[in-house]
Amino acid sequence: MRQDTKMPANASGFAEPAAMPAGDVGFAAGVSIRGLGHRYGGLQTIERLDLELPPHGVLGIVGPSGCGKSTLLELVAGLQEPAAGEIALGSALTSAERLARCAFMPQRDMLLPWLAAIDNAALALRNRGLGRGAARRQAGELFERFGLAGFEPARPAELSGGMRQRVAFLRTLVAGKPVLALDEPFAALDAITRAEMQEWLAGALRADPRTVVLVTHDVEEALYLCDRVAVLSARPARLVEELFVPTPRAADRDRAVTEPQFVAVRERALLALHRGSQ
């Protein structure tokens, strides 16, 4: 396995936006969730959930295991249709319309082991009908900014965990969708690499703002990366508390997470999680 390279020191160089696909909807979609309910057969998973996120806002979703966080993300991304209520990404209401505006990044990086890193990153472009050379050129423009220069021909098995996650995020970004749905993107990483990746993602979102819904079990991660954090109850998921973050995506992560205001909000989030799990 190749070792992770140093990430660029200048966060503003991480993620200049790839060219938008022809006919796409643009980068202005917020997320509106009203009276949301969902069930699997007789099992109620989400009940009477209301959330609002403005364009380019970043919303964190935390809650007890099994409460329906990933289901909520799939509903937002248009992978499922809710049993009750409404989800809108801008003017997109149906699951097909939401799917057209949302790029989904699952918990695992899902890189194809037989493809080089550059071809894994370019998959969304190829799926849209772009030729191999053009897709490689468009995705390749971001490799240096993502700290991946020189690793374009590497297979996933040759990359470190952090590098694989960056390739997966690059693949999500070049899809050209205004909304990103991230399902525990750093859950499989060790603590040090996870903190580095949080700081890296914060820089990427400062440089290239998108509307983001992030599911995570890590309260500190949610509070560092997001503008606001929704704490959900145990199943069926209801909103226990919505918290607003004092310094979202600060350039110095270590300093940000030890600031008194941040620590106070983290304590409120942990107390809300405890209330919601009872």
C-alpha atoms as a PDB file:
ATOM      1  CA  MET A   1       0.000   0.000   0.000  1.00  0.00           C
ATOM      2  CA  ARG A   2       1.368   3.433  -0.861  1.00  0.00           C
ATOM      3  CA  GLN A   3       1.617   5.917   1.961  1.00  0.00           C
ATOM      4  CA  ASP A   4      -0.507   9.028   1.954  1.00  0.00           C
ATOM      5  CA  THR A   5       1.150  12.081   0.470  1.00  0.00           C
ATOM      6  CA  LYS A   6       1.228  15.423   2.218  1.00  0.00           C
ATOM      7  CA  MET A   7      -1.986  17.322   1.682  1.00  0.00           C
ATOM      8  CA  PRO A   8      -1.632  20.773   0.124  1.00  0.00           C
ATOM      9  CA  ALA A   9      -1.042  23.412   2.770  1.00  0.00           C
ATOM     10  CA  ASN A  10      -3.190  25.977   0.986  1.00  0.00           C
ATOM     11  CA  ALA A  11      -6.802  24.866   1.328  1.00  0.00           C
ATOM     12  CA  SER A  12      -7.948  27.346  -1.305  1.00  0.00           C
ATOM     13  CA  GLY A  13      -6.204  25.248  -3.926  1.00  0.00           C
ATOM     14  CA  PHE A  14      -8.055  22.030  -3.214  1.00  0.00           C
ATOM     15  CA  ALA A  15     -11.162  22.046  -5.287  1.00  0.00           C
ATOM     16  CA  GLU A  16     -11.788  24.442  -8.081  1.00  0.00           C
ATOM     17  CA  PRO A  17     -15.098  23.260  -9.484  1.00  0.00           C
ATOM     18  CA  ALA A  18     -15.097  20.961 -12.444  1.00  0.00           C
ATOM     19  CA  ALA A  19     -17.055  22.176 -15.429  1.00  0.00           C
ATOM     20  CA  MET A  20     -20.766  21.756 -14.909  1.00  0.00           C
ATOM     21  CA  PRO A  21     -22.385  19.161 -17.150  1.00  0.00           C
ATOM     22  CA  ALA A  22     -24.445  20.558 -19.967  1.00  0.00           C
ATOM     23  CA  GLY A  23     -28.037  21.129 -18.946  1.00  0.00           C
ATOM     24  CA  ASP A  24     -27.390  20.616 -15.216  1.00  0.00           C
ATOM     25  CA  VAL A  25     -29.358  22.572 -12.680  1.00  0.00           C
ATOM     26  CA  GLY A  26     -26.591  24.809 -11.318  1.00  0.00           C
ATOM     27  CA  PHE A  27     -25.221  25.327  -7.826  1.00  0.00           C
ATOM     28  CA  ALA A  28     -28.144  26.907  -6.007  1.00  0.00           C
ATOM     29  CA  ALA A  29     -30.274  24.137  -4.512  1.00  0.00           C
ATOM     30  CA  GLY A  30     -31.160  24.170  -0.831  1.00  0.00           C
ATOM     31  CA  VAL A  31     -32.836  21.308   1.025  1.00  0.00           C
ATOM     32  CA  SER A  32     -36.332  21.460   2.507  1.00  0.00           C
ATOM     33  CA  ILE A  33     -37.754  18.568   4.564  1.00  0.00           C
ATOM     34  CA  ARG A  34     -41.345  18.983   5.754  1.00  0.00           C
ATOM     35  CA  GLY A  35     -43.466  16.546   7.722  1.00  0.00           C
ATOM     36  CA  LEU A  36     -41.240  13.666   6.630  1.00  0.00           C
ATOM     37  CA  GLY A  37     -42.298  10.159   7.568  1.00  0.00           C
ATOM     38  CA  HIS A  38     -40.968   6.799   6.394  1.00  0.00           C
ATOM     39  CA  ARG A  39     -41.500   3.148   7.175  1.00  0.00           C
ATOM     40  CA  TYR A  40     -40.393  -0.293   6.078  1.00  0.00           C
ATOM     41  CA  GLY A  41     -43.494  -2.433   6.238  1.00  0.00           C
ATOM     42  CA  GLY A  42     -44.777  -2.037   9.786  1.00  0.00           C
ATOM     43  CA  LEU A  43     -41.521  -0.494  11.067  1.00  0.00           C
ATOM     44  CA  GLN A  44     -41.691   3.298  11.408  1.00  0.00           C
ATOM     45  CA  THR A  45     -38.196   4.700  10.841  1.00  0.00           C
ATOM     46  CA  ILE A  46     -38.776   8.478  10.543  1.00  0.00           C
ATOM     47  CA  GLU A  47     -41.668  10.476  11.985  1.00  0.00           C
ATOM     48  CA  ARG A  48     -42.724  14.116  11.499  1.00  0.00           C
ATOM     49  CA  LEU A  49     -39.284  15.466  10.609  1.00  0.00           C
ATOM     50  CA  ASP A  50     -38.830  19.095   9.523  1.00  0.00           C
ATOM     51  CA  LEU A  51     -35.469  20.569   8.453  1.00  0.00           C
ATOM     52  CA  GLU A  52     -34.385  23.459   6.244  1.00  0.00           C
ATOM     53  CA  LEU A  53     -30.955  24.033   4.692  1.00  0.00           C
ATOM     54  CA  PRO A  54     -30.135  27.064   2.511  1.00  0.00           C
ATOM     55  CA  PRO A  55     -28.107  26.770  -0.699  1.00  0.00           C
ATOM     56  CA  HIS A  56     -24.416  26.100   0.057  1.00  0.00           C
ATOM     57  CA  GLY A  57     -25.266  25.251   3.658  1.00  0.00           C
ATOM     58  CA  VAL A  58     -23.769  22.171   5.323  1.00  0.00           C
ATOM     59  CA  LEU A  59     -26.073  20.114   7.547  1.00  0.00           C
ATOM     60  CA  GLY A  60     -24.827  17.384   9.878  1.00  0.00           C
ATOM     61  CA  ILE A  61     -27.115  14.535  10.930  1.00  0.00           C
ATOM     62  CA  VAL A  62     -26.261  12.676  14.151  1.00  0.00           C
ATOM     63  CA  GLY A  63     -28.276  10.231  16.234  1.00  0.00           C
ATOM     64  CA  PRO A  64     -28.234   6.797  17.863  1.00  0.00           C
ATOM     65  CA  SER A  65     -27.268   3.795  15.755  1.00  0.00           C
ATOM     66  CA  GLY A  66     -30.188   2.472  13.739  1.00  0.00           C
ATOM     67  CA  CYS A  67     -32.283   5.622  14.104  1.00  0.00           C
ATOM     68  CA  GLY A  68     -32.679   6.171  10.357  1.00  0.00           C
ATOM     69  CA  LYS A  69     -29.823   8.565   9.493  1.00  0.00           C
ATOM     70  CA  SER A  70     -28.728   6.686   6.381  1.00  0.00           C
ATOM     71  CA  THR A  71     -32.366   6.208   5.348  1.00  0.00           C
ATOM     72  CA  LEU A  72     -32.863   9.972   5.624  1.00  0.00           C
ATOM     73  CA  LEU A  73     -29.825  10.558   3.420  1.00  0.00           C
ATOM     74  CA  GLU A  74     -31.107   8.106   0.807  1.00  0.00           C
ATOM     75  CA  LEU A  75     -34.466   9.894   0.810  1.00  0.00           C
ATOM     76  CA  VAL A  76     -32.772  13.259   0.306  1.00  0.00           C
ATOM     77  CA  ALA A  77     -30.663  11.842  -2.527  1.00  0.00           C
ATOM     78  CA  GLY A  78     -33.694  10.422  -4.328  1.00  0.00           C
ATOM     79  CA  LEU A  79     -32.744   6.789  -3.814  1.00  0.00           C
ATOM     80  CA  GLN A  80     -36.101   6.267  -2.071  1.00  0.00           C
ATOM     81  CA  GLU A  81     -39.453   8.043  -1.992  1.00  0.00           C
ATOM     82  CA  PRO A  82     -40.809   9.009   1.452  1.00  0.00           C
ATOM     83  CA  ALA A  83     -43.985   7.418   2.780  1.00  0.00           C
ATOM     84  CA  ALA A  84     -45.229  10.802   4.022  1.00  0.00           C
ATOM     85  CA  GLY A  85     -44.264  14.443   3.799  1.00  0.00           C
ATOM     86  CA  GLU A  86     -42.082  16.238   1.295  1.00  0.00           C
ATOM     87  CA  ILE A  87     -38.402  16.623   0.431  1.00  0.00           C
ATOM     88  CA  ALA A  88     -37.329  19.327  -2.001  1.00  0.00           C
ATOM     89  CA  LEU A  89     -33.884  20.124  -3.404  1.00  0.00           C
ATOM     90  CA  GLY A  90     -34.626  23.573  -4.731  1.00  0.00           C
ATOM     91  CA  SER A  91     -37.623  22.955  -6.985  1.00  0.00           C
ATOM     92  CA  ALA A  92     -36.936  19.211  -7.304  1.00  0.00           C
ATOM     93  CA  LEU A  93     -39.624  17.204  -5.505  1.00  0.00           C
ATOM     94  CA  THR A  94     -39.783  13.689  -6.959  1.00  0.00           C
ATOM     95  CA  SER A  95     -37.144  11.035  -6.288  1.00  0.00           C
ATOM     96  CA  ALA A  96     -35.996  11.183  -9.921  1.00  0.00           C
ATOM     97  CA  GLU A  97     -35.636  14.969  -9.774  1.00  0.00           C
ATOM     98  CA  ARG A  98     -33.749  14.808  -6.474  1.00  0.00           C
ATOM     99  CA  LEU A  99     -31.433  12.123  -7.828  1.00  0.00           C
ATOM    100  CA  ALA A 100     -30.609  14.378 -10.779  1.00  0.00           C
ATOM    101  CA  ARG A 101     -29.478  17.127  -8.377  1.00  0.00           C
ATOM    102  CA  CYS A 102     -27.677  15.052  -5.762  1.00  0.00           C
ATOM    103  CA  ALA A 103     -24.393  13.135  -5.720  1.00  0.00           C
ATOM    104  CA  PHE A 104     -24.319  10.353  -3.111  1.00  0.00           C
ATOM    105  CA  MET A 105     -21.118   9.196  -1.394  1.00  0.00           C
ATOM    106  CA  PRO A 106     -21.653   5.989   0.642  1.00  0.00           C
ATOM    107  CA  GLN A 107     -19.776   4.842   3.751  1.00  0.00           C
ATOM    108  CA  ARG A 108     -17.321   2.714   1.779  1.00  0.00           C
ATOM    109  CA  ASP A 109     -15.275   4.313  -0.988  1.00  0.00           C
ATOM    110  CA  MET A 110     -16.660   1.763  -3.516  1.00  0.00           C
ATOM    111  CA  LEU A 111     -13.646   2.204  -5.824  1.00  0.00           C
ATOM    112  CA  LEU A 112     -13.493  -0.416  -8.554  1.00  0.00           C
ATOM    113  CA  PRO A 113     -10.304  -2.444  -7.884  1.00  0.00           C
ATOM    114  CA  TRP A 114      -9.512  -3.068 -11.555  1.00  0.00           C
ATOM    115  CA  LEU A 115      -9.579   0.630 -12.493  1.00  0.00           C
ATOM    116  CA  ALA A 116      -6.820   3.180 -11.995  1.00  0.00           C
ATOM    117  CA  ALA A 117      -7.469   6.073  -9.606  1.00  0.00           C
ATOM    118  CA  ILE A 118      -8.017   8.471 -12.515  1.00  0.00           C
ATOM    119  CA  ASP A 119     -10.638   6.185 -14.064  1.00  0.00           C
ATOM    120  CA  ASN A 120     -12.417   5.674 -10.723  1.00  0.00           C
ATOM    121  CA  ALA A 121     -12.566   9.456 -10.306  1.00  0.00           C
ATOM    122  CA  ALA A 122     -13.927   9.877 -13.830  1.00  0.00           C
ATOM    123  CA  LEU A 123     -16.718   7.275 -13.518  1.00  0.00           C
ATOM    124  CA  ALA A 124     -19.544   9.806 -13.220  1.00  0.00           C
ATOM    125  CA  LEU A 125     -18.283  11.585 -16.320  1.00  0.00           C
ATOM    126  CA  ARG A 126     -18.084   8.333 -18.281  1.00  0.00           C
ATOM    127  CA  ASN A 127     -21.599   7.418 -17.148  1.00  0.00           C
ATOM    128  CA  ARG A 128     -22.769  10.726 -18.578  1.00  0.00           C
ATOM    129  CA  GLY A 129     -21.386   9.710 -21.975  1.00  0.00           C
ATOM    130  CA  LEU A 130     -18.047  11.513 -21.965  1.00  0.00           C
ATOM    131  CA  GLY A 131     -15.243   9.690 -23.779  1.00  0.00           C
ATOM    132  CA  ARG A 132     -12.413   8.129 -21.772  1.00  0.00           C
ATOM    133  CA  GLY A 133      -9.819  10.724 -22.745  1.00  0.00           C
ATOM    134  CA  ALA A 134     -12.047  13.718 -22.061  1.00  0.00           C
ATOM    135  CA  ALA A 135     -13.236  12.251 -18.752  1.00  0.00           C
ATOM    136  CA  ARG A 136      -9.658  11.598 -17.673  1.00  0.00           C
ATOM    137  CA  ARG A 137      -8.602  15.122 -18.572  1.00  0.00           C
ATOM    138  CA  GLN A 138     -11.500  16.702 -16.663  1.00  0.00           C
ATOM    139  CA  ALA A 139     -11.012  14.585 -13.525  1.00  0.00           C
ATOM    140  CA  GLY A 140      -7.231  14.833 -13.795  1.00  0.00           C
ATOM    141  CA  GLU A 141      -7.341  18.617 -13.446  1.00  0.00           C
ATOM    142  CA  LEU A 142      -8.270  18.105  -9.776  1.00  0.00           C
ATOM    143  CA  PHE A 143      -5.705  15.472  -8.830  1.00  0.00           C
ATOM    144  CA  GLU A 144      -2.999  17.933  -7.820  1.00  0.00           C
ATOM    145  CA  ARG A 145      -5.470  20.078  -5.898  1.00  0.00           C
ATOM    146  CA  PHE A 146      -6.629  16.961  -4.016  1.00  0.00           C
ATOM    147  CA  GLY A 147      -3.071  15.944  -3.087  1.00  0.00           C
ATOM    148  CA  LEU A 148      -3.161  13.026  -5.534  1.00  0.00           C
ATOM    149  CA  ALA A 149      -0.722  14.163  -8.245  1.00  0.00           C
ATOM    150  CA  GLY A 150       1.355  11.233  -9.476  1.00  0.00           C
ATOM    151  CA  PHE A 151      -1.166   8.631  -8.327  1.00  0.00           C
ATOM    152  CA  GLU A 152      -3.417   8.789 -11.383  1.00  0.00           C
ATOM    153  CA  PRO A 153      -2.392   5.287 -12.639  1.00  0.00           C
ATOM    154  CA  ALA A 154      -2.452   3.656  -9.173  1.00  0.00           C
ATOM    155  CA  ARG A 155      -4.989   0.933  -8.427  1.00  0.00           C
ATOM    156  CA  PRO A 156      -7.069   1.333  -5.218  1.00  0.00           C
ATOM    157  CA  ALA A 157      -5.031  -1.397  -3.446  1.00  0.00           C
ATOM    158  CA  GLU A 158      -1.935   0.804  -3.865  1.00  0.00           C
ATOM    159  CA  LEU A 159      -3.513   3.805  -2.125  1.00  0.00           C
ATOM    160  CA  SER A 160      -3.795   4.615   1.571  1.00  0.00           C
ATOM    161  CA  GLY A 161      -7.230   4.919   3.181  1.00  0.00           C
ATOM    162  CA  GLY A 162      -7.126   8.717   3.106  1.00  0.00           C
ATOM    163  CA  MET A 163      -6.145   8.779  -0.554  1.00  0.00           C
ATOM    164  CA  ARG A 164      -8.944   6.369  -1.456  1.00  0.00           C
ATOM    165  CA  GLN A 165     -11.449   8.648   0.290  1.00  0.00           C
ATOM    166  CA  ARG A 166     -10.128  11.653  -1.628  1.00  0.00           C
ATOM    167  CA  VAL A 167     -10.547   9.785  -4.917  1.00  0.00           C
ATOM    168  CA  ALA A 168     -14.108   8.889  -3.865  1.00  0.00           C
ATOM    169  CA  PHE A 169     -14.880  12.499  -2.956  1.00  0.00           C
ATOM    170  CA  LEU A 170     -13.350  13.730  -6.209  1.00  0.00           C
ATOM    171  CA  ARG A 171     -15.625  11.287  -8.068  1.00  0.00           C
ATOM    172  CA  THR A 172     -18.602  12.720  -6.133  1.00  0.00           C
ATOM    173  CA  LEU A 173     -17.593  16.315  -6.850  1.00  0.00           C
ATOM    174  CA  VAL A 174     -16.988  15.982 -10.603  1.00  0.00           C
ATOM    175  CA  ALA A 175     -20.497  14.581 -11.012  1.00  0.00           C
ATOM    176  CA  GLY A 176     -21.423  18.288 -11.127  1.00  0.00           C
ATOM    177  CA  LYS A 177     -24.427  18.063  -8.797  1.00  0.00           C
ATOM    178  CA  PRO A 178     -25.421  21.008  -6.563  1.00  0.00           C
ATOM    179  CA  VAL A 179     -26.145  18.799  -3.509  1.00  0.00           C
ATOM    180  CA  LEU A 180     -23.719  16.317  -1.961  1.00  0.00           C
ATOM    181  CA  ALA A 181     -25.036  13.538   0.314  1.00  0.00           C
ATOM    182  CA  LEU A 182     -22.164  12.094   2.371  1.00  0.00           C
ATOM    183  CA  ASP A 183     -22.811   8.960   4.444  1.00  0.00           C
ATOM    184  CA  GLU A 184     -20.080   8.598   7.096  1.00  0.00           C
ATOM    185  CA  PRO A 185     -17.321   9.231   4.542  1.00  0.00           C
ATOM    186  CA  PHE A 186     -14.470   8.865   7.075  1.00  0.00           C
ATOM    187  CA  ALA A 187     -15.847   6.121   9.326  1.00  0.00           C
ATOM    188  CA  ALA A 188     -13.332   3.506   8.161  1.00  0.00           C
ATOM    189  CA  LEU A 189     -10.258   5.676   8.839  1.00  0.00           C
ATOM    190  CA  ASP A 190      -8.035   5.740  11.920  1.00  0.00           C
ATOM    191  CA  ALA A 191      -8.362   8.727  14.264  1.00  0.00           C
ATOM    192  CA  ILE A 192      -5.334  10.660  12.952  1.00  0.00           C
ATOM    193  CA  THR A 193      -6.203  10.202   9.278  1.00  0.00           C
ATOM    194  CA  ARG A 194      -9.840  11.007  10.015  1.00  0.00           C
ATOM    195  CA  ALA A 195      -8.895  14.341  11.611  1.00  0.00           C
ATOM    196  CA  GLU A 196      -6.657  15.139   8.619  1.00  0.00           C
ATOM    197  CA  MET A 197      -9.464  14.296   6.211  1.00  0.00           C
ATOM    198  CA  GLN A 198     -11.917  16.483   8.123  1.00  0.00           C
ATOM    199  CA  GLU A 199      -9.528  19.418   7.805  1.00  0.00           C
ATOM    200  CA  TRP A 200      -8.996  18.601   4.145  1.00  0.00           C
ATOM    201  CA  LEU A 201     -12.742  18.434   3.415  1.00  0.00           C
ATOM    202  CA  ALA A 202     -13.267  21.711   5.276  1.00  0.00           C
ATOM    203  CA  GLY A 203     -10.741  23.343   2.948  1.00  0.00           C
ATOM    204  CA  ALA A 204     -12.361  21.806  -0.116  1.00  0.00           C
ATOM    205  CA  LEU A 205     -15.779  23.164   0.890  1.00  0.00           C
ATOM    206  CA  ARG A 206     -14.352  26.611   1.639  1.00  0.00           C
ATOM    207  CA  ALA A 207     -12.854  26.672  -1.861  1.00  0.00           C
ATOM    208  CA  ASP A 208     -15.837  25.149  -3.685  1.00  0.00           C
ATOM    209  CA  PRO A 209     -19.052  25.624  -1.653  1.00  0.00           C
ATOM    210  CA  ARG A 210     -21.812  23.061  -2.189  1.00  0.00           C
ATOM    211  CA  THR A 211     -25.004  22.231  -0.366  1.00  0.00           C
ATOM    212  CA  VAL A 212     -24.039  19.226   1.776  1.00  0.00           C
ATOM    213  CA  VAL A 213     -25.937  16.792   3.994  1.00  0.00           C
ATOM    214  CA  LEU A 214     -23.483  14.780   6.107  1.00  0.00           C
ATOM    215  CA  VAL A 215     -24.401  11.739   8.200  1.00  0.00           C
ATOM    216  CA  THR A 216     -21.907  10.824  10.920  1.00  0.00           C
ATOM    217  CA  HIS A 217     -21.672   9.146  14.329  1.00  0.00           C
ATOM    218  CA  ASP A 218     -18.909  11.597  15.291  1.00  0.00           C
ATOM    219  CA  VAL A 219     -20.388  14.668  17.004  1.00  0.00           C
ATOM    220  CA  GLU A 220     -17.108  16.582  16.818  1.00  0.00           C
ATOM    221  CA  GLU A 221     -16.824  15.858  13.095  1.00  0.00           C
ATOM    222  CA  ALA A 222     -20.357  17.137  12.497  1.00  0.00           C
ATOM    223  CA  LEU A 223     -19.783  20.308  14.517  1.00  0.00           C
ATOM    224  CA  TYR A 224     -16.470  21.048  12.808  1.00  0.00           C
ATOM    225  CA  LEU A 225     -17.601  20.477   9.215  1.00  0.00           C
ATOM    226  CA  CYS A 226     -21.190  21.746   9.323  1.00  0.00           C
ATOM    227  CA  ASP A 227     -23.029  25.046   9.754  1.00  0.00           C
ATOM    228  CA  ARG A 228     -25.798  23.333  11.710  1.00  0.00           C
ATOM    229  CA  VAL A 229     -26.287  19.896  13.237  1.00  0.00           C
ATOM    230  CA  ALA A 230     -29.589  18.053  13.614  1.00  0.00           C
ATOM    231  CA  VAL A 231     -29.667  15.622  16.552  1.00  0.00           C
ATOM    232  CA  LEU A 232     -32.158  12.824  15.942  1.00  0.00           C
ATOM    233  CA  SER A 233     -33.881  10.545  18.428  1.00  0.00           C
ATOM    234  CA  ALA A 234     -33.867   6.761  18.496  1.00  0.00           C
ATOM    235  CA  ARG A 235     -36.177   5.127  15.939  1.00  0.00           C
ATOM    236  CA  PRO A 236     -38.515   6.455  14.774  1.00  0.00           C
ATOM    237  CA  ALA A 237     -36.249   9.439  14.125  1.00  0.00           C
ATOM    238  CA  ARG A 238     -37.537  12.796  15.306  1.00  0.00           C
ATOM    239  CA  LEU A 239     -35.663  16.062  15.687  1.00  0.00           C
ATOM    240  CA  VAL A 240     -34.408  16.391  19.276  1.00  0.00           C
ATOM    241  CA  GLU A 241     -32.424  19.599  18.787  1.00  0.00           C
ATOM    242  CA  GLU A 242     -30.867  21.664  16.000  1.00  0.00           C
ATOM    243  CA  LEU A 243     -27.539  23.274  16.877  1.00  0.00           C
ATOM    244  CA  PHE A 244     -25.761  26.091  15.074  1.00  0.00           C
ATOM    245  CA  VAL A 245     -21.976  25.906  14.951  1.00  0.00           C
ATOM    246  CA  PRO A 246     -19.825  28.862  16.083  1.00  0.00           C
ATOM    247  CA  THR A 247     -16.885  28.404  13.639  1.00  0.00           C
ATOM    248  CA  PRO A 248     -17.736  25.918  10.886  1.00  0.00           C
ATOM    249  CA  ARG A 249     -14.828  24.628   8.761  1.00  0.00           C
ATOM    250  CA  ALA A 250     -12.173  26.744  10.485  1.00  0.00           C
ATOM    251  CA  ALA A 251      -8.756  26.495   8.835  1.00  0.00           C
ATOM    252  CA  ASP A 252      -7.109  25.353  12.096  1.00  0.00           C
ATOM    253  CA  ARG A 253      -9.136  22.314  13.191  1.00  0.00           C
ATOM    254  CA  ASP A 254      -7.222  21.614  16.406  1.00  0.00           C
ATOM    255  CA  ARG A 255      -7.727  25.144  17.642  1.00  0.00           C
ATOM    256  CA  ALA A 256     -11.388  25.252  16.559  1.00  0.00           C
ATOM    257  CA  VAL A 257     -12.435  22.082  18.406  1.00  0.00           C
ATOM    258  CA  THR A 258     -10.876  23.281  21.671  1.00  0.00           C
ATOM    259  CA  GLU A 259     -12.431  26.767  21.670  1.00  0.00           C
ATOM    260  CA  PRO A 260     -14.815  27.250  24.643  1.00  0.00           C
ATOM    261  CA  GLN A 261     -17.792  28.004  22.371  1.00  0.00           C
ATOM    262  CA  PHE A 262     -17.185  24.817  20.365  1.00  0.00           C
ATOM    263  CA  VAL A 263     -16.814  22.730  23.519  1.00  0.00           C
ATOM    264  CA  ALA A 264     -20.068  24.172  24.902  1.00  0.00           C
ATOM    265  CA  VAL A 265     -21.995  23.302  21.711  1.00  0.00           C
ATOM    266  CA  ARG A 266     -20.449  19.813  21.737  1.00  0.00           C
ATOM    267  CA  GLU A 267     -21.714  19.283  25.281  1.00  0.00           C
ATOM    268  CA  ARG A 268     -25.206  20.381  24.230  1.00  0.00           C
ATOM    269  CA  ALA A 269     -25.083  17.944  21.325  1.00  0.00           C
ATOM    270  CA  LEU A 270     -24.020  15.058  23.566  1.00  0.00           C
ATOM    271  CA  LEU A 271     -26.792  15.867  26.044  1.00  0.00           C
ATOM    272  CA  ALA A 272     -29.325  15.980  23.189  1.00  0.00           C
ATOM    273  CA  LEU A 273     -28.062  12.593  21.953  1.00  0.00           C
ATOM    274  CA  HIS A 274     -28.520  11.174  25.452  1.00  0.00           C
ATOM    275  CA  ARG A 275     -32.074  12.552  25.625  1.00  0.00           C
ATOM    276  CA  GLY A 276     -32.886  11.228  22.191  1.00  0.00           C
ATOM    277  CA  SER A 277     -31.633   7.721  22.919  1.00  0.00           C
ATOM    278  CA  GLN A 278     -33.908   7.247  25.942  1.00  0.00           C
END
